[in-house]
């Protein structure tokens, strides 16, 4: 199904103040298949849409370059990242948090309309995201099991877009430990984490480096759209 970039919201478009408002103004969402509460839309973006989105992201990265975050314990992450939107996600010795400025002190670029069109298609809520976190996985990069819990209200979903090389994605439980399930995410796949799955642990064990030709030098781009504030 072709996904067209939606027009920017008019100035009179209501921004939902909380999840209860969003429930009352819930938008119809595209249907996907459920995996342990996560809703996966296989191949939602076709190759032309993926290439167009990558062009948009190159503009974002030119204005807010990728950087290498560090955990509060002083360990560097294997992914590089940046953000778009009102706030961006950062990590350093002071902790994990959302910040209004890029580490170099400049505002984050706006979230591209093509990316917002995906949120509108699958999130099923009336409010738009405040943050689009952009993670770049080079060869050997991974993401340990974690929860997305730096947001103000966990009732909002998180929408993830995969571009480039395939990634072995692991889904766990709200509490650490227990059984897990893994699946390969491919370029153009979109996943929604909401409801009971919103605080499930998840991570990326590895990427199949060179499995996609979307990025000239291979690698994976993952976008996560979040209502952060």
Protein backbone atom coordinates (compact mmCIF):
# COMPACT_ATOMS: atom_id res chain seq x y z
CA UNK A 1 0.00 0.00 0.00
CA UNK A 2 1.51 3.32 -1.07
CA UNK A 3 1.84 5.78 1.80
CA UNK A 4 1.69 9.45 0.88
CA UNK A 5 3.06 12.20 3.10
CA UNK A 6 0.15 13.88 4.83
CA UNK A 7 -0.14 17.68 4.77
CA UNK A 8 1.07 19.59 7.80
CA UNK A 9 -1.67 20.13 10.42
CA UNK A 10 -3.47 23.44 10.26
CA UNK A 11 -2.95 25.93 13.06
CA UNK A 12 -6.41 25.13 14.36
CA UNK A 13 -5.75 21.38 14.65
CA UNK A 14 -6.21 20.38 18.28
CA UNK A 15 -3.20 18.92 20.06
CA UNK A 16 -4.29 16.29 22.56
CA UNK A 17 -3.30 17.13 26.11
CA UNK A 18 -3.28 13.60 27.47
CA UNK A 19 -3.96 10.00 26.58
CA UNK A 20 -7.60 10.26 27.64
CA UNK A 21 -8.15 12.99 25.03
CA UNK A 22 -6.38 10.84 22.46
CA UNK A 23 -8.67 7.92 23.22
CA UNK A 24 -11.72 10.09 22.53
CA UNK A 25 -10.23 11.30 19.24
CA UNK A 26 -8.64 8.02 18.19
CA UNK A 27 -7.85 7.91 14.49
CA UNK A 28 -8.33 4.71 12.48
CA UNK A 29 -5.03 2.84 12.21
CA UNK A 30 -3.75 0.52 9.51
CA UNK A 31 -3.96 -3.17 10.40
CA UNK A 32 -0.89 -5.27 11.08
CA UNK A 33 0.01 -8.61 12.63
CA UNK A 34 0.54 -8.94 16.36
CA UNK A 35 3.68 -10.39 17.91
CA UNK A 36 3.58 -10.50 21.73
CA UNK A 37 1.48 -7.34 21.77
CA UNK A 38 3.69 -5.48 19.27
CA UNK A 39 1.87 -4.70 16.01
CA UNK A 40 4.07 -5.26 12.95
CA UNK A 41 3.24 -3.80 9.54
CA UNK A 42 5.43 -5.84 7.19
CA UNK A 43 6.75 -3.81 4.26
CA UNK A 44 4.46 -0.83 4.85
CA UNK A 45 6.90 1.41 2.95
CA UNK A 46 7.72 0.39 -0.60
CA UNK A 47 11.27 0.89 -2.02
CA UNK A 48 10.48 4.29 -3.55
CA UNK A 49 9.02 5.54 -0.25
CA UNK A 50 12.06 4.24 1.64
CA UNK A 51 14.42 6.08 -0.70
CA UNK A 52 12.43 9.31 -0.41
CA UNK A 53 12.42 9.05 3.39
CA UNK A 54 16.18 8.54 3.39
CA UNK A 55 16.59 11.77 1.41
CA UNK A 56 14.54 13.56 4.08
CA UNK A 57 16.70 12.06 6.81
CA UNK A 58 19.90 13.19 5.12
CA UNK A 59 18.60 16.73 5.49
CA UNK A 60 17.87 16.14 9.18
CA UNK A 61 21.34 14.70 9.79
CA UNK A 62 22.98 17.63 7.98
CA UNK A 63 21.31 19.97 10.49
CA UNK A 64 21.75 17.69 13.53
CA UNK A 65 24.74 15.39 12.94
CA UNK A 66 24.88 11.86 14.30
CA UNK A 67 26.72 11.59 17.62
CA UNK A 68 27.94 8.72 19.79
CA UNK A 69 26.00 8.67 23.08
CA UNK A 70 27.41 7.38 26.36
CA UNK A 71 25.52 5.56 29.10
CA UNK A 72 25.37 7.09 32.60
CA UNK A 73 27.97 4.46 33.59
CA UNK A 74 30.44 5.86 31.06
CA UNK A 75 30.11 3.10 28.47
CA UNK A 76 29.81 4.24 24.84
CA UNK A 77 26.85 2.89 22.87
CA UNK A 78 27.54 1.03 19.63
CA UNK A 79 24.86 3.00 17.75
CA UNK A 80 25.15 6.59 16.64
CA UNK A 81 22.08 8.76 16.90
CA UNK A 82 20.38 12.09 16.43
CA UNK A 83 16.79 13.34 16.62
CA UNK A 84 14.16 15.52 15.00
CA UNK A 85 11.23 17.30 16.64
CA UNK A 86 10.62 19.59 19.59
CA UNK A 87 13.00 17.53 21.74
CA UNK A 88 15.64 14.87 21.16
CA UNK A 89 16.75 11.90 23.22
CA UNK A 90 20.26 12.12 24.67
CA UNK A 91 22.39 10.05 27.02
CA UNK A 92 25.55 10.94 28.91
CA UNK A 93 26.97 10.86 32.43
CA UNK A 94 23.95 12.88 33.62
CA UNK A 95 21.51 10.17 32.53
CA UNK A 96 18.93 9.38 29.88
CA UNK A 97 16.60 12.27 29.03
CA UNK A 98 14.91 14.41 26.41
CA UNK A 99 16.61 17.71 25.65
CA UNK A 100 15.52 20.73 23.56
CA UNK A 101 18.94 21.10 21.92
CA UNK A 102 21.41 18.90 20.05
CA UNK A 103 24.66 18.30 22.02
CA UNK A 104 26.33 20.97 19.89
CA UNK A 105 23.75 23.50 21.19
CA UNK A 106 21.44 23.89 18.18
CA UNK A 107 17.69 23.12 17.92
CA UNK A 108 16.63 19.79 16.47
CA UNK A 109 15.23 19.92 12.90
CA UNK A 110 11.49 19.35 12.43
CA UNK A 111 10.22 15.81 11.90
CA UNK A 112 9.84 15.25 8.12
CA UNK A 113 6.28 15.05 6.86
CA UNK A 114 6.88 11.62 5.28
CA UNK A 115 7.75 10.31 8.73
CA UNK A 116 4.72 11.93 10.33
CA UNK A 117 2.55 10.32 7.63
CA UNK A 118 3.59 6.90 8.97
CA UNK A 119 2.58 7.91 12.51
CA UNK A 120 -0.79 9.09 11.25
CA UNK A 121 -1.31 5.80 9.40
CA UNK A 122 -0.53 3.40 12.25
CA UNK A 123 -0.53 5.10 15.68
CA UNK A 124 -4.29 5.39 16.03
CA UNK A 125 -4.11 8.52 18.21
CA UNK A 126 -4.85 12.16 17.55
CA UNK A 127 -1.67 13.67 18.94
CA UNK A 128 1.54 13.97 16.91
CA UNK A 129 4.94 12.90 18.30
CA UNK A 130 7.33 15.37 19.95
CA UNK A 131 10.44 13.38 19.05
CA UNK A 132 11.77 11.22 16.25
CA UNK A 133 14.86 9.41 17.52
CA UNK A 134 17.19 8.34 14.69
CA UNK A 135 19.55 5.44 15.41
CA UNK A 136 22.24 4.37 12.93
CA UNK A 137 23.54 0.79 13.20
CA UNK A 138 26.87 0.21 11.49
CA UNK A 139 28.43 -3.24 11.19
CA UNK A 140 28.55 -4.91 14.62
CA UNK A 141 26.20 -2.42 16.31
CA UNK A 142 23.44 -3.69 18.58
CA UNK A 143 21.00 -2.46 21.22
CA UNK A 144 20.68 -4.25 24.55
CA UNK A 145 17.34 -5.17 26.06
CA UNK A 146 15.68 -2.06 27.47
CA UNK A 147 12.38 -0.29 28.09
CA UNK A 148 11.34 3.04 26.59
CA UNK A 149 10.39 4.83 29.80
CA UNK A 150 11.81 8.36 29.62
CA UNK A 151 8.49 9.72 28.33
CA UNK A 152 6.00 11.63 30.51
CA UNK A 153 2.99 9.38 29.74
CA UNK A 154 3.32 5.69 28.82
CA UNK A 155 -0.24 5.58 27.47
CA UNK A 156 1.00 6.92 24.13
CA UNK A 157 2.37 4.38 21.62
CA UNK A 158 5.89 4.30 20.21
CA UNK A 159 6.15 3.82 16.43
CA UNK A 160 9.32 2.29 14.97
CA UNK A 161 10.38 2.46 11.29
CA UNK A 162 13.12 0.21 9.89
CA UNK A 163 15.27 1.31 6.94
CA UNK A 164 18.27 -0.45 5.42
CA UNK A 165 19.84 -3.67 6.68
CA UNK A 166 17.73 -6.32 8.38
CA UNK A 167 17.81 -6.44 12.19
CA UNK A 168 17.21 -9.35 14.56
CA UNK A 169 14.74 -7.78 17.00
CA UNK A 170 14.11 -9.40 20.39
CA UNK A 171 10.89 -8.91 22.38
CA UNK A 172 10.79 -9.64 26.10
CA UNK A 173 8.47 -8.85 28.98
CA UNK A 174 7.59 -5.89 31.18
CA UNK A 175 9.76 -7.41 33.91
CA UNK A 176 13.32 -8.46 33.16
CA UNK A 177 13.87 -12.13 32.42
CA UNK A 178 11.48 -14.78 31.21
CA UNK A 179 10.97 -16.04 27.69
CA UNK A 180 11.66 -13.86 24.67
CA UNK A 181 10.80 -13.99 20.99
CA UNK A 182 12.92 -12.80 18.08
CA UNK A 183 12.02 -11.77 14.54
CA UNK A 184 13.79 -10.14 11.62
CA UNK A 185 12.80 -6.56 10.83
CA UNK A 186 13.34 -5.62 7.19
CA UNK A 187 13.60 -2.31 5.38
CA UNK A 188 10.17 -0.70 5.14
CA UNK A 189 8.72 -2.53 8.16
CA UNK A 190 6.86 -0.45 10.75
CA UNK A 191 6.17 -1.58 14.32
CA UNK A 192 3.83 -0.12 16.94
CA UNK A 193 4.49 -0.59 20.66
CA UNK A 194 1.39 0.31 22.62
CA UNK A 195 -1.03 -0.87 25.27
CA UNK A 196 0.28 -3.70 27.42
CA UNK A 197 3.38 -3.97 25.18
CA UNK A 198 4.38 -0.33 25.67
CA UNK A 199 6.84 -1.11 28.49
CA UNK A 200 7.98 -4.50 27.24
CA UNK A 201 11.75 -4.96 27.15
CA UNK A 202 13.13 -5.14 23.62
CA UNK A 203 16.42 -4.85 21.78
CA UNK A 204 18.41 -5.54 18.62
CA UNK A 205 20.77 -8.51 18.87
CA UNK A 206 22.47 -7.90 15.53
CA UNK A 207 22.03 -6.61 12.02
CA UNK A 208 22.59 -8.55 8.79
CA UNK A 209 25.18 -6.11 7.49
CA UNK A 210 24.92 -5.58 3.73
CA UNK A 211 21.49 -7.23 3.42
CA UNK A 212 19.99 -4.03 1.93
CA UNK A 213 21.16 -1.62 -0.75
CA UNK A 214 19.17 1.35 0.60
CA UNK A 215 22.20 2.89 2.31
CA UNK A 216 25.20 3.23 -0.04
CA UNK A 217 27.65 1.86 2.55
CA UNK A 218 25.16 -0.52 4.19
CA UNK A 219 23.92 -0.26 7.76
CA UNK A 220 20.52 0.24 9.34
CA UNK A 221 18.52 3.34 10.24
CA UNK A 222 15.80 2.96 12.87
CA UNK A 223 13.36 5.75 13.61
CA UNK A 224 11.27 5.75 16.79
CA UNK A 225 8.46 8.28 17.03
CA UNK A 226 7.47 9.20 20.57
CA UNK A 227 5.18 11.50 22.50
CA UNK A 228 7.79 12.59 24.98
CA UNK A 229 6.37 15.59 26.82
